[in-house]
Amino acid sequence: MGNRLTKLYTKTGDDGTTGLGDGSRTRKDSHRIEAVGTVDELNSWIGLLLAELPENEPLVVPLTEIQHRLFDLGGELAVPGFQLIQDAMVNELETLCDDLNAEVPPLKEFILPGGSTAAGYCHMARAVARRAERIIVSLADEEAVNNPLRQYINRLSDVLFVMARTLARRNGGEEIYWRSPRTAN
């Protein structure tokens, strides 16, 4: 494979536009570019989470796969009309979520983000996934967006929530429960 980027600055974006994968140009503040950038930010948070986890942590494998899928998802967003995210990928996330959720106790109260550094990073990734989803919904009001892509980002925030719960409980850790004003003593 040859070099994909030989020059990092092109000056073509100095006018506030950026190139899409189909050769067209769009404003850097468009919903499409906001979605691409937010998915990139989400992928970066997952990278930070992975850097915090030991190699033998069972969540490393699915998180690494999710990073690859997010790269695909960003690529799909960067090329209008192109489709990479498929129903099977959504189904994989649903299975992962179900498997992980079976290992944690049912929630009786809301939990606060945190519990451990890894869980905190996972909650940050979850929050960014939710923002990406909101931007993608706005984009879908303007342009066609692949439905499995929308479903994938929605399921991913659920998976990240359950992963955060799992990580907060690892090695004797605990989740931090929200103290409702109704139940506080």
Protein backbone atom coordinates (compact mmCIF):
# COMPACT_ATOMS: atom_id res chain seq x y z
CA MET A 1 0.00 0.00 0.00
CA GLY A 2 1.35 3.42 -0.91
CA ASN A 3 1.35 6.49 1.27
CA ARG A 4 -2.17 7.71 1.94
CA LEU A 5 -1.11 11.18 3.03
CA THR A 6 2.03 12.73 1.69
CA LYS A 7 1.25 16.32 2.66
CA LEU A 8 -0.81 17.14 5.74
CA TYR A 9 -1.71 20.70 4.85
CA THR A 10 -3.31 21.55 1.53
CA LYS A 11 -4.69 25.04 2.25
CA THR A 12 -7.91 24.03 0.45
CA GLY A 13 -9.86 24.34 3.70
CA ASP A 14 -8.79 27.88 4.41
CA ASP A 15 -12.12 29.11 3.04
CA GLY A 16 -14.09 27.14 5.66
CA THR A 17 -14.90 24.16 3.47
CA THR A 18 -13.58 20.63 3.42
CA GLY A 19 -13.53 17.86 0.86
CA LEU A 20 -15.76 14.80 1.12
CA GLY A 21 -14.85 11.34 -0.11
CA ASP A 22 -16.92 11.76 -3.27
CA GLY A 23 -14.90 14.83 -4.30
CA SER A 24 -17.54 17.38 -3.33
CA ARG A 25 -16.89 20.14 -0.80
CA THR A 26 -18.99 21.18 2.18
CA ARG A 27 -18.80 23.68 4.99
CA LYS A 28 -16.72 22.60 7.98
CA ASP A 29 -19.65 23.38 10.28
CA SER A 30 -22.15 21.22 8.38
CA HIS A 31 -23.95 18.45 10.22
CA ARG A 32 -22.06 15.91 8.11
CA ILE A 33 -18.65 17.22 9.16
CA GLU A 34 -19.84 17.65 12.78
CA ALA A 35 -20.85 13.97 12.71
CA VAL A 36 -17.53 12.87 11.21
CA GLY A 37 -15.59 14.89 13.79
CA THR A 38 -17.68 13.65 16.70
CA VAL A 39 -17.25 10.02 15.63
CA ASP A 40 -13.49 10.69 15.46
CA GLU A 41 -13.64 12.15 18.99
CA LEU A 42 -15.56 9.08 20.16
CA ASN A 43 -12.94 6.81 18.63
CA SER A 44 -10.24 8.81 20.40
CA TRP A 45 -11.95 8.37 23.79
CA ILE A 46 -12.11 4.63 23.16
CA GLY A 47 -8.40 4.73 22.31
CA LEU A 48 -7.72 6.45 25.62
CA LEU A 49 -9.82 3.84 27.41
CA LEU A 50 -7.88 1.05 25.69
CA ALA A 51 -4.60 2.64 26.76
CA GLU A 52 -5.82 2.42 30.37
CA LEU A 53 -6.77 -1.27 30.19
CA PRO A 54 -4.36 -4.16 30.69
CA GLU A 55 -3.84 -6.36 27.62
CA ASN A 56 -5.59 -9.31 29.28
CA GLU A 57 -8.79 -7.32 29.92
CA PRO A 58 -11.61 -9.15 28.07
CA LEU A 59 -13.10 -5.86 26.84
CA VAL A 60 -9.98 -5.04 24.80
CA VAL A 61 -11.06 -7.25 21.90
CA PRO A 62 -14.58 -5.83 21.45
CA LEU A 63 -13.37 -2.26 22.04
CA THR A 64 -10.72 -2.67 19.35
CA GLU A 65 -13.34 -4.04 16.96
CA ILE A 66 -15.57 -1.06 17.80
CA GLN A 67 -12.72 1.29 16.93
CA HIS A 68 -12.46 -0.31 13.50
CA ARG A 69 -16.23 -0.05 13.03
CA LEU A 70 -16.14 3.62 14.03
CA PHE A 71 -13.52 4.23 11.37
CA ASP A 72 -15.90 2.58 8.88
CA LEU A 73 -18.79 4.66 10.21
CA GLY A 74 -16.79 7.88 9.83
CA GLY A 75 -15.84 6.83 6.32
CA GLU A 76 -19.46 6.24 5.46
CA LEU A 77 -20.37 9.68 6.77
CA ALA A 78 -17.55 11.23 4.73
CA VAL A 79 -18.84 9.78 1.44
CA PRO A 80 -22.49 10.70 0.81
CA GLY A 81 -24.47 7.72 -0.50
CA PHE A 82 -21.81 5.17 0.53
CA GLN A 83 -22.75 2.36 2.91
CA LEU A 84 -20.38 0.38 5.12
CA ILE A 85 -22.37 -0.21 8.30
CA GLN A 86 -24.66 -3.23 7.98
CA ASP A 87 -27.46 -4.76 10.05
CA ALA A 88 -25.14 -7.59 11.12
CA MET A 89 -22.87 -5.05 12.83
CA VAL A 90 -25.83 -3.71 14.81
CA ASN A 91 -26.74 -7.27 15.77
CA GLU A 92 -23.18 -7.87 17.00
CA LEU A 93 -23.48 -4.87 19.33
CA GLU A 94 -26.84 -6.08 20.62
CA THR A 95 -25.38 -9.50 21.43
CA LEU A 96 -22.38 -7.91 23.15
CA CYS A 97 -24.66 -5.65 25.17
CA ASP A 98 -26.86 -8.57 26.24
CA ASP A 99 -23.84 -10.67 27.22
CA LEU A 100 -22.25 -7.88 29.27
CA ASN A 101 -25.53 -6.85 30.88
CA ALA A 102 -26.09 -10.41 32.09
CA GLU A 103 -22.93 -10.06 34.21
CA VAL A 104 -23.96 -6.93 36.17
CA PRO A 105 -26.80 -6.59 38.69
CA PRO A 106 -30.01 -4.89 37.60
CA LEU A 107 -30.02 -1.14 38.12
CA LYS A 108 -32.25 0.09 40.93
CA GLU A 109 -31.02 3.68 40.71
CA PHE A 110 -29.15 5.90 38.27
CA ILE A 111 -25.37 5.73 38.48
CA LEU A 112 -22.95 8.62 38.26
CA PRO A 113 -20.16 8.51 35.67
CA GLY A 114 -16.98 7.23 37.30
CA GLY A 115 -16.12 4.39 39.64
CA SER A 116 -12.62 4.00 38.20
CA THR A 117 -10.47 5.77 35.63
CA ALA A 118 -11.33 3.19 32.96
CA ALA A 119 -15.05 3.41 33.75
CA GLY A 120 -14.82 7.20 33.62
CA TYR A 121 -13.22 7.08 30.16
CA CYS A 122 -15.92 4.66 29.07
CA HIS A 123 -18.63 7.05 30.31
CA MET A 124 -16.95 9.88 28.36
CA ALA A 125 -17.06 7.72 25.24
CA ARG A 126 -20.74 6.97 25.94
CA ALA A 127 -21.55 10.67 26.27
CA VAL A 128 -19.75 11.46 23.01
CA ALA A 129 -21.60 8.58 21.30
CA ARG A 130 -24.88 10.17 22.39
CA ARG A 131 -23.76 13.53 20.95
CA ALA A 132 -22.74 11.84 17.70
CA GLU A 133 -26.18 10.27 17.51
CA ARG A 134 -27.90 13.64 17.99
CA ILE A 135 -25.80 15.16 15.19
CA ILE A 136 -26.50 12.19 12.90
CA VAL A 137 -30.23 12.61 13.53
CA SER A 138 -29.91 16.28 12.50
CA LEU A 139 -27.96 15.23 9.40
CA ALA A 140 -30.70 12.71 8.55
CA ASP A 141 -33.22 15.58 8.54
CA GLU A 142 -31.19 17.14 5.70
CA GLU A 143 -29.81 14.17 3.78
CA ALA A 144 -30.25 10.42 3.52
CA VAL A 145 -28.40 8.48 6.23
CA ASN A 146 -28.06 4.71 6.26
CA ASN A 147 -30.44 3.34 8.91
CA PRO A 148 -27.97 0.70 10.22
CA LEU A 149 -25.48 3.55 10.82
CA ARG A 150 -28.03 5.34 13.00
CA GLN A 151 -28.84 2.11 14.83
CA TYR A 152 -25.16 1.28 15.33
CA ILE A 153 -24.34 4.56 17.05
CA ASN A 154 -27.45 4.21 19.23
CA ARG A 155 -26.56 0.67 20.31
CA LEU A 156 -22.95 1.66 20.86
CA SER A 157 -23.88 4.11 23.60
CA ASP A 158 -25.79 1.30 25.32
CA VAL A 159 -22.79 -1.04 25.03
CA LEU A 160 -20.47 1.63 26.41
CA PHE A 161 -22.80 2.19 29.36
CA VAL A 162 -22.75 -1.52 30.26
CA MET A 163 -18.97 -1.64 29.73
CA ALA A 164 -18.59 1.30 32.11
CA ARG A 165 -20.68 -0.54 34.70
CA THR A 166 -18.50 -3.62 34.21
CA LEU A 167 -15.26 -1.66 34.52
CA ALA A 168 -16.43 0.21 37.64
CA ARG A 169 -17.02 -3.13 39.38
CA ARG A 170 -13.73 -4.76 38.37
CA ASN A 171 -11.13 -5.51 41.03
CA GLY A 172 -13.46 -4.84 43.92
CA GLY A 173 -14.58 -1.44 42.63
CA GLU A 174 -18.08 -0.06 42.94
CA GLU A 175 -20.51 1.98 40.93
CA ILE A 176 -21.48 5.35 42.35
CA TYR A 177 -25.23 5.61 42.76
CA TRP A 178 -27.09 8.88 42.36
CA ARG A 179 -28.63 10.09 45.60
CA SER A 180 -32.12 11.12 44.75
CA PRO A 181 -33.43 14.06 46.79
CA ARG A 182 -36.48 11.88 47.46
CA THR A 183 -34.43 9.14 49.10
CA ALA A 184 -31.55 11.11 50.67
CA ASN A 185 -31.34 10.99 54.42
